[in-house]
């Protein structure tokens, strides 16, 4: 880590790099080793990033659940890109994965009501598929309970 890099940026970048490269989020200890920061400081930064709605932590511990648009826990929204795959927290974020990676993708999802498979995605920068996303919670209230949303 360069001494002039913002520690929050370094931690955020290390989290996303771990998720993209390995499908899991690095622990604060792993991020501390990668960035040269002390582990307690990295844990505080995890909390600050969660408070800023950049990441979502498991309740009560500095363990990343989501680094939107990626989820490190299985969800009904799997995104496939060039033979690799990631989960997304929701249908909306499933389309954020190809945007973040700047790649075409196939989204394999399940209808919450019927359980039917839904295939859609992004091809040549455009969405395809005939599924509809129904948001039960108004966007202004997403972070009231983001895991439910």
Foldseek 3Di string as FASTA:
>chain_A
DDPPDDPLVLLLVQQVVCCVVPVAGDQLVVSCVVPVHDSVVSLVSLVVCVVVVQFPADPPGSGTQGRFQFGSDDDQKWKDFPNDITGGLDPVRSQVVCVVVVGWIWIWGADPVPRDTFIWTADPRDTDGDDDDDDPDPPVCCVVPVSVD
